[in-house]
PDB file of N, CA and C in Angstrom:
ATOM      1  N   PHE A   1     185.362 182.609  72.721  1.00  0.00           N
ATOM      2  CA  PHE A   1     185.209 181.208  73.084  1.00  0.00           C
ATOM      3  C   PHE A   1     186.518 180.641  73.630  1.00  0.00           C
ATOM      4  N   GLU A   2     187.610 180.881  72.908  1.00  0.00           N
ATOM      5  CA  GLU A   2     188.897 180.330  73.349  1.00  0.00           C
ATOM      6  C   GLU A   2     189.358 180.943  74.663  1.00  0.00           C
ATOM      7  N   SER A   3     189.121 182.240  74.851  1.00  0.00           N
ATOM      8  CA  SER A   3     189.535 182.860  76.114  1.00  0.00           C
ATOM      9  C   SER A   3     188.707 182.303  77.274  1.00  0.00           C
ATOM     10  N   PHE A   4     187.427 182.035  77.026  1.00  0.00           N
ATOM     11  CA  PHE A   4     186.585 181.436  78.066  1.00  0.00           C
ATOM     12  C   PHE A   4     187.061 180.023  78.372  1.00  0.00           C
ATOM     13  N   ARG A   5     187.377 179.275  77.341  1.00  0.00           N
ATOM     14  CA  ARG A   5     187.878 177.902  77.527  1.00  0.00           C
ATOM     15  C   ARG A   5     189.145 177.913  78.385  1.00  0.00           C
ATOM     16  N   GLU A   6     190.044 178.851  78.103  1.00  0.00           N
ATOM     17  CA  GLU A   6     191.287 178.951  78.868  1.00  0.00           C
ATOM     18  C   GLU A   6     191.005 179.328  80.320  1.00  0.00           C
ATOM     19  N   THR A   7     190.064 180.234  80.527  1.00  0.00           N
ATOM     20  CA  THR A   7     189.687 180.624  81.885  1.00  0.00           C
ATOM     21  C   THR A   7     189.151 179.427  82.656  1.00  0.00           C
ATOM     22  N   VAL A   8     188.268 178.678  82.033  1.00  0.00           N
ATOM     23  CA  VAL A   8     187.688 177.500  82.684  1.00  0.00           C
ATOM     24  C   VAL A   8     188.769 176.461  82.968  1.00  0.00           C
ATOM     25  N   ARG A   9     189.650 176.272  82.008  1.00  0.00           N
ATOM     26  CA  ARG A   9     190.707 175.267  82.152  1.00  0.00           C
ATOM     27  C   ARG A   9     191.623 175.581  83.335  1.00  0.00           C
ATOM     28  N   THR A  10     191.899 176.855  83.558  1.00  0.00           N
ATOM     29  CA  THR A  10     192.839 177.227  84.612  1.00  0.00           C
ATOM     30  C   THR A  10     192.175 177.527  85.955  1.00  0.00           C
ATOM     31  N   CYS A  11     190.866 177.528  85.990  1.00  0.00           N
ATOM     32  CA  CYS A  11     190.156 177.832  87.235  1.00  0.00           C
ATOM     33  C   CYS A  11     190.197 176.613  88.166  1.00  0.00           C
ATOM     34  N   PRO A  12     190.529 176.809  89.441  1.00  0.00           N
ATOM     35  CA  PRO A  12     190.642 175.670  90.348  1.00  0.00           C
ATOM     36  C   PRO A  12     189.302 175.124  90.855  1.00  0.00           C
ATOM     37  N   VAL A  13     188.215 175.799  90.545  1.00  0.00           N
ATOM     38  CA  VAL A  13     186.885 175.338  90.972  1.00  0.00           C
ATOM     39  C   VAL A  13     185.975 175.247  89.751  1.00  0.00           C
ATOM     40  N   PRO A  14     184.914 174.447  89.814  1.00  0.00           N
ATOM     41  CA  PRO A  14     183.984 174.356  88.684  1.00  0.00           C
ATOM     42  C   PRO A  14     183.381 175.722  88.340  1.00  0.00           C
ATOM     43  N   VAL A  15     183.226 175.977  87.058  1.00  0.00           N
ATOM     44  CA  VAL A  15     182.660 177.233  86.569  1.00  0.00           C
ATOM     45  C   VAL A  15     181.215 177.003  86.152  1.00  0.00           C
ATOM     46  N   VAL A  16     180.338 177.873  86.618  1.00  0.00           N
ATOM     47  CA  VAL A  16     178.928 177.869  86.227  1.00  0.00           C
ATOM     48  C   VAL A  16     178.646 179.236  85.634  1.00  0.00           C
ATOM     49  N   ILE A  17     178.114 179.280  84.412  1.00  0.00           N
ATOM     50  CA  ILE A  17     177.834 180.579  83.807  1.00  0.00           C
ATOM     51  C   ILE A  17     176.557 181.164  84.398  1.00  0.00           C
ATOM     52  N   ALA A  18     176.505 182.469  84.421  1.00  0.00           N
ATOM     53  CA  ALA A  18     175.343 183.183  84.964  1.00  0.00           C
ATOM     54  C   ALA A  18     174.485 183.674  83.811  1.00  0.00           C
ATOM     55  N   GLY A  19     173.667 182.775  83.295  1.00  0.00           N
ATOM     56  CA  GLY A  19     172.680 183.123  82.285  1.00  0.00           C
ATOM     57  C   GLY A  19     173.241 183.730  81.022  1.00  0.00           C
ATOM     58  N   GLY A  20     173.399 185.019  81.018  1.00  0.00           N
ATOM     59  CA  GLY A  20     173.859 185.706  79.832  1.00  0.00           C
ATOM     60  C   GLY A  20     172.822 186.699  79.371  1.00  0.00           C
ATOM     61  N   PRO A  21     173.106 187.355  78.262  1.00  0.00           N
ATOM     62  CA  PRO A  21     172.171 188.368  77.778  1.00  0.00           C
ATOM     63  C   PRO A  21     170.864 187.749  77.288  1.00  0.00           C
ATOM     64  N   LYS A  22     169.816 188.533  77.307  1.00  0.00           N
ATOM     65  CA  LYS A  22     168.527 188.102  76.753  1.00  0.00           C
ATOM     66  C   LYS A  22     168.717 187.843  75.273  1.00  0.00           C
ATOM     67  N   THR A  23     168.196 186.744  74.817  1.00  0.00           N
ATOM     68  CA  THR A  23     168.276 186.419  73.395  1.00  0.00           C
ATOM     69  C   THR A  23     166.893 186.541  72.771  1.00  0.00           C
ATOM     70  N   ASP A  24     166.872 186.676  71.459  1.00  0.00           N
ATOM     71  CA  ASP A  24     165.596 186.792  70.748  1.00  0.00           C
ATOM     72  C   ASP A  24     164.856 185.462  70.680  1.00  0.00           C
ATOM     73  N   THR A  25     165.609 184.371  70.764  1.00  0.00           N
ATOM     74  CA  THR A  25     164.992 183.050  70.653  1.00  0.00           C
ATOM     75  C   THR A  25     165.541 182.118  71.727  1.00  0.00           C
ATOM     76  N   LEU A  26     164.788 181.104  72.044  1.00  0.00           N
ATOM     77  CA  LEU A  26     165.260 180.077  72.964  1.00  0.00           C
ATOM     78  C   LEU A  26     166.466 179.364  72.367  1.00  0.00           C
ATOM     79  N   LEU A  27     166.452 179.153  71.067  1.00  0.00           N
ATOM     80  CA  LEU A  27     167.583 178.501  70.413  1.00  0.00           C
ATOM     81  C   LEU A  27     168.870 179.281  70.661  1.00  0.00           C
ATOM     82  N   GLY A  28     168.809 180.606  70.591  1.00  0.00           N
ATOM     83  CA  GLY A  28     169.993 181.423  70.845  1.00  0.00           C
ATOM     84  C   GLY A  28     170.519 181.243  72.257  1.00  0.00           C
ATOM     85  N   ALA A  29     169.622 181.213  73.230  1.00  0.00           N
ATOM     86  CA  ALA A  29     170.023 181.014  74.627  1.00  0.00           C
ATOM     87  C   ALA A  29     170.608 179.618  74.825  1.00  0.00           C
ATOM     88  N   LEU A  30     170.003 178.633  74.199  1.00  0.00           N
ATOM     89  CA  LEU A  30     170.514 177.267  74.302  1.00  0.00           C
ATOM     90  C   LEU A  30     171.892 177.157  73.661  1.00  0.00           C
ATOM     91  N   GLN A  31     172.090 177.863  72.547  1.00  0.00           N
ATOM     92  CA  GLN A  31     173.388 177.822  71.868  1.00  0.00           C
ATOM     93  C   GLN A  31     174.471 178.451  72.730  1.00  0.00           C
ATOM     94  N   GLN A  32     174.157 179.589  73.374  1.00  0.00           N
ATOM     95  CA  GLN A  32     175.126 180.216  74.283  1.00  0.00           C
ATOM     96  C   GLN A  32     175.505 179.246  75.403  1.00  0.00           C
ATOM     97  N   THR A  33     174.511 178.578  75.947  1.00  0.00           N
ATOM     98  CA  THR A  33     174.754 177.630  77.033  1.00  0.00           C
ATOM     99  C   THR A  33     175.564 176.441  76.533  1.00  0.00           C
ATOM    100  N   ALA A  34     175.217 175.918  75.371  1.00  0.00           N
ATOM    101  CA  ALA A  34     175.948 174.780  74.804  1.00  0.00           C
ATOM    102  C   ALA A  34     177.406 175.148  74.546  1.00  0.00           C
ATOM    103  N   ASP A  35     177.644 176.361  74.055  1.00  0.00           N
ATOM    104  CA  ASP A  35     179.022 176.809  73.814  1.00  0.00           C
ATOM    105  C   ASP A  35     179.811 176.846  75.117  1.00  0.00           C
ATOM    106  N   ALA A  36     179.194 177.347  76.180  1.00  0.00           N
ATOM    107  CA  ALA A  36     179.869 177.423  77.480  1.00  0.00           C
ATOM    108  C   ALA A  36     180.163 176.027  78.022  1.00  0.00           C
ATOM    109  N   ILE A  37     179.212 175.117  77.889  1.00  0.00           N
ATOM    110  CA  ILE A  37     179.409 173.742  78.354  1.00  0.00           C
ATOM    111  C   ILE A  37     180.529 173.089  77.553  1.00  0.00           C
ATOM    112  N   ARG A  38     180.526 173.307  76.242  1.00  0.00           N
ATOM    113  CA  ARG A  38     181.564 172.750  75.381  1.00  0.00           C
ATOM    114  C   ARG A  38     182.945 173.302  75.754  1.00  0.00           C
ATOM    115  N   ALA A  39     182.975 174.544  76.261  1.00  0.00           N
ATOM    116  CA  ALA A  39     184.238 175.161  76.679  1.00  0.00           C
ATOM    117  C   ALA A  39     184.672 174.697  78.066  1.00  0.00           C
ATOM    118  N   GLY A  40     183.823 173.937  78.749  1.00  0.00           N
ATOM    119  CA  GLY A  40     184.207 173.380  80.034  1.00  0.00           C
ATOM    120  C   GLY A  40     183.391 173.827  81.228  1.00  0.00           C
ATOM    121  N   ALA A  41     182.443 174.736  81.033  1.00  0.00           N
ATOM    122  CA  ALA A  41     181.577 175.130  82.152  1.00  0.00           C
ATOM    123  C   ALA A  41     180.828 173.901  82.656  1.00  0.00           C
ATOM    124  N   ARG A  42     180.534 173.874  83.937  1.00  0.00           N
ATOM    125  CA  ARG A  42     179.866 172.715  84.531  1.00  0.00           C
ATOM    126  C   ARG A  42     178.364 172.882  84.641  1.00  0.00           C
ATOM    127  N   GLY A  43     177.873 174.105  84.389  1.00  0.00           N
ATOM    128  CA  GLY A  43     176.444 174.342  84.495  1.00  0.00           C
ATOM    129  C   GLY A  43     176.112 175.771  84.144  1.00  0.00           C
ATOM    130  N   ALA A  44     174.842 176.127  84.346  1.00  0.00           N
ATOM    131  CA  ALA A  44     174.374 177.476  84.032  1.00  0.00           C
ATOM    132  C   ALA A  44     173.256 177.861  84.985  1.00  0.00           C
ATOM    133  N   VAL A  45     173.223 179.129  85.327  1.00  0.00           N
ATOM    134  CA  VAL A  45     172.116 179.697  86.089  1.00  0.00           C
ATOM    135  C   VAL A  45     171.241 180.398  85.059  1.00  0.00           C
ATOM    136  N   VAL A  46     170.031 179.919  84.883  1.00  0.00           N
ATOM    137  CA  VAL A  46     169.160 180.431  83.825  1.00  0.00           C
ATOM    138  C   VAL A  46     167.975 181.136  84.455  1.00  0.00           C
ATOM    139  N   GLY A  47     167.666 182.312  83.965  1.00  0.00           N
ATOM    140  CA  GLY A  47     166.540 183.087  84.497  1.00  0.00           C
ATOM    141  C   GLY A  47     165.629 183.556  83.390  1.00  0.00           C
ATOM    142  N   ARG A  48     165.868 184.786  82.923  1.00  0.00           N
ATOM    143  CA  ARG A  48     164.948 185.423  81.976  1.00  0.00           C
ATOM    144  C   ARG A  48     164.731 184.624  80.696  1.00  0.00           C
ATOM    145  N   ASN A  49     165.757 183.892  80.223  1.00  0.00           N
ATOM    146  CA  ASN A  49     165.584 183.120  78.995  1.00  0.00           C
ATOM    147  C   ASN A  49     164.710 181.890  79.206  1.00  0.00           C
ATOM    148  N   LEU A  50     164.496 181.520  80.453  1.00  0.00           N
ATOM    149  CA  LEU A  50     163.585 180.424  80.771  1.00  0.00           C
ATOM    150  C   LEU A  50     162.204 180.982  81.121  1.00  0.00           C
ATOM    151  N   TRP A  51     162.150 181.884  82.110  1.00  0.00           N
ATOM    152  CA  TRP A  51     160.859 182.409  82.573  1.00  0.00           C
ATOM    153  C   TRP A  51     160.177 183.271  81.530  1.00  0.00           C
ATOM    154  N   GLY A  52     160.942 183.867  80.621  1.00  0.00           N
ATOM    155  CA  GLY A  52     160.352 184.699  79.582  1.00  0.00           C
ATOM    156  C   GLY A  52     159.840 183.912  78.386  1.00  0.00           C
ATOM    157  N   HIS A  53     160.079 182.613  78.391  1.00  0.00           N
ATOM    158  CA  HIS A  53     159.613 181.767  77.290  1.00  0.00           C
ATOM    159  C   HIS A  53     158.125 181.478  77.470  1.00  0.00           C
ATOM    160  N   GLY A  54     157.422 181.290  76.383  1.00  0.00           N
ATOM    161  CA  GLY A  54     155.988 181.011  76.433  1.00  0.00           C
ATOM    162  C   GLY A  54     155.638 179.740  77.182  1.00  0.00           C
ATOM    163  N   ASP A  55     156.563 178.786  77.217  1.00  0.00           N
ATOM    164  CA  ASP A  55     156.351 177.527  77.933  1.00  0.00           C
ATOM    165  C   ASP A  55     157.611 177.221  78.747  1.00  0.00           C
ATOM    166  N   PRO A  56     157.711 177.782  79.963  1.00  0.00           N
ATOM    167  CA  PRO A  56     158.922 177.602  80.768  1.00  0.00           C
ATOM    168  C   PRO A  56     159.279 176.140  81.045  1.00  0.00           C
ATOM    169  N   GLU A  57     158.283 175.276  81.149  1.00  0.00           N
ATOM    170  CA  GLU A  57     158.582 173.864  81.403  1.00  0.00           C
ATOM    171  C   GLU A  57     159.352 173.256  80.233  1.00  0.00           C
ATOM    172  N   LYS A  58     158.907 173.531  79.017  1.00  0.00           N
ATOM    173  CA  LYS A  58     159.615 173.012  77.842  1.00  0.00           C
ATOM    174  C   LYS A  58     160.995 173.643  77.722  1.00  0.00           C
ATOM    175  N   ALA A  59     161.094 174.925  78.054  1.00  0.00           N
ATOM    176  CA  ALA A  59     162.398 175.591  78.021  1.00  0.00           C
ATOM    177  C   ALA A  59     163.345 174.939  79.026  1.00  0.00           C
ATOM    178  N   ALA A  60     162.851 174.621  80.218  1.00  0.00           N
ATOM    179  CA  ALA A  60     163.675 173.970  81.243  1.00  0.00           C
ATOM    180  C   ALA A  60     164.144 172.599  80.769  1.00  0.00           C
ATOM    181  N   ILE A  61     163.269 171.876  80.105  1.00  0.00           N
ATOM    182  CA  ILE A  61     163.640 170.563  79.566  1.00  0.00           C
ATOM    183  C   ILE A  61     164.751 170.719  78.532  1.00  0.00           C
ATOM    184  N   ALA A  62     164.647 171.750  77.702  1.00  0.00           N
ATOM    185  CA  ALA A  62     165.671 171.993  76.686  1.00  0.00           C
ATOM    186  C   ALA A  62     167.010 172.356  77.332  1.00  0.00           C
ATOM    187  N   PHE A  63     166.996 173.240  78.337  1.00  0.00           N
ATOM    188  CA  PHE A  63     168.242 173.589  79.030  1.00  0.00           C
ATOM    189  C   PHE A  63     168.847 172.362  79.710  1.00  0.00           C
ATOM    190  N   ARG A  64     168.009 171.536  80.306  1.00  0.00           N
ATOM    191  CA  ARG A  64     168.509 170.306  80.929  1.00  0.00           C
ATOM    192  C   ARG A  64     169.200 169.426  79.882  1.00  0.00           C
ATOM    193  N   GLY A  65     168.612 169.351  78.699  1.00  0.00           N
ATOM    194  CA  GLY A  65     169.211 168.553  77.635  1.00  0.00           C
ATOM    195  C   GLY A  65     170.607 169.027  77.271  1.00  0.00           C
ATOM    196  N   VAL A  66     170.782 170.334  77.208  1.00  0.00           N
ATOM    197  CA  VAL A  66     172.096 170.896  76.877  1.00  0.00           C
ATOM    198  C   VAL A  66     173.072 170.695  78.033  1.00  0.00           C
ATOM    199  N   ILE A  67     172.643 171.033  79.240  1.00  0.00           N
ATOM    200  CA  ILE A  67     173.549 171.043  80.395  1.00  0.00           C
ATOM    201  C   ILE A  67     173.850 169.640  80.914  1.00  0.00           C
ATOM    202  N   HIS A  68     172.849 168.809  81.047  1.00  0.00           N
ATOM    203  CA  HIS A  68     173.037 167.506  81.692  1.00  0.00           C
ATOM    204  C   HIS A  68     173.156 166.333  80.725  1.00  0.00           C
ATOM    205  N   ASP A  69     172.552 166.467  79.544  1.00  0.00           N
ATOM    206  CA  ASP A  69     172.559 165.343  78.607  1.00  0.00           C
ATOM    207  C   ASP A  69     173.534 165.521  77.454  1.00  0.00           C
ATOM    208  N   GLY A  70     174.180 166.696  77.376  1.00  0.00           N
ATOM    209  CA  GLY A  70     175.164 166.929  76.325  1.00  0.00           C
ATOM    210  C   GLY A  70     174.578 167.091  74.936  1.00  0.00           C
ATOM    211  N   LEU A  71     173.301 167.432  74.849  1.00  0.00           N
ATOM    212  CA  LEU A  71     172.662 167.609  73.542  1.00  0.00           C
ATOM    213  C   LEU A  71     173.070 168.938  72.917  1.00  0.00           C
ATOM    214  N   SER A  72     173.024 168.991  71.604  1.00  0.00           N
ATOM    215  CA  SER A  72     173.212 170.271  70.921  1.00  0.00           C
ATOM    216  C   SER A  72     171.982 171.131  71.189  1.00  0.00           C
ATOM    217  N   ALA A  73     172.111 172.413  70.944  1.00  0.00           N
ATOM    218  CA  ALA A  73     170.977 173.318  71.145  1.00  0.00           C
ATOM    219  C   ALA A  73     169.778 172.877  70.303  1.00  0.00           C
ATOM    220  N   GLN A  74     170.029 172.526  69.046  1.00  0.00           N
ATOM    221  CA  GLN A  74     168.944 172.120  68.159  1.00  0.00           C
ATOM    222  C   GLN A  74     168.286 170.833  68.631  1.00  0.00           C
ATOM    223  N   ASP A  75     169.103 169.862  69.042  1.00  0.00           N
ATOM    224  CA  ASP A  75     168.550 168.585  69.501  1.00  0.00           C
ATOM    225  C   ASP A  75     167.768 168.749  70.801  1.00  0.00           C
ATOM    226  N   ALA A  76     168.271 169.586  71.700  1.00  0.00           N
ATOM    227  CA  ALA A  76     167.571 169.823  72.967  1.00  0.00           C
ATOM    228  C   ALA A  76     166.232 170.501  72.723  1.00  0.00           C
ATOM    229  N   LEU A  77     166.212 171.444  71.804  1.00  0.00           N
ATOM    230  CA  LEU A  77     164.976 172.149  71.465  1.00  0.00           C
ATOM    231  C   LEU A  77     163.957 171.175  70.880  1.00  0.00           C
ATOM    232  N   ALA A  78     164.416 170.310  69.984  1.00  0.00           N
ATOM    233  CA  ALA A  78     163.520 169.330  69.371  1.00  0.00           C
ATOM    234  C   ALA A  78     163.007 168.328  70.410  1.00  0.00           C
ATOM    235  N   LYS A  79     163.892 167.852  71.278  1.00  0.00           N
ATOM    236  CA  LYS A  79     163.495 166.879  72.301  1.00  0.00           C
ATOM    237  C   LYS A  79     162.455 167.466  73.246  1.00  0.00           C
ATOM    238  N   ALA A  80     162.601 168.753  73.564  1.00  0.00           N
ATOM    239  CA  ALA A  80     161.673 169.413  74.489  1.00  0.00           C
ATOM    240  C   ALA A  80     160.361 169.784  73.817  1.00  0.00           C
ATOM    241  N   GLY A  81     160.352 169.800  72.494  1.00  0.00           N
ATOM    242  CA  GLY A  81     159.145 170.210  71.781  1.00  0.00           C
ATOM    243  C   GLY A  81     158.845 171.686  71.954  1.00  0.00           C
ATOM    244  N   ALA A  82     159.888 172.451  72.171  1.00  0.00           N
ATOM    245  CA  ALA A  82     159.702 173.893  72.423  1.00  0.00           C
ATOM    246  C   ALA A  82     159.885 174.710  71.158  1.00  0.00           C
TER     247      ALA A  82
END
């Protein structure tokens, strides 16, 4: 986490994370994204953790909550009803 934060801090352009590994739960994927945002990333490219979810629309709402609304992973999941 700290090494990523330092990388983001010293990067001259905005950093967007590229998804990440497949997680067992949507909460896990949201937590990874929330950690990256908290470290200074400006966004995320999400694929398999969204499309592989049983309800991609709710998953997208949850990711939006983390990335754009600053919600915690748990709060975003609850808000999305996912």
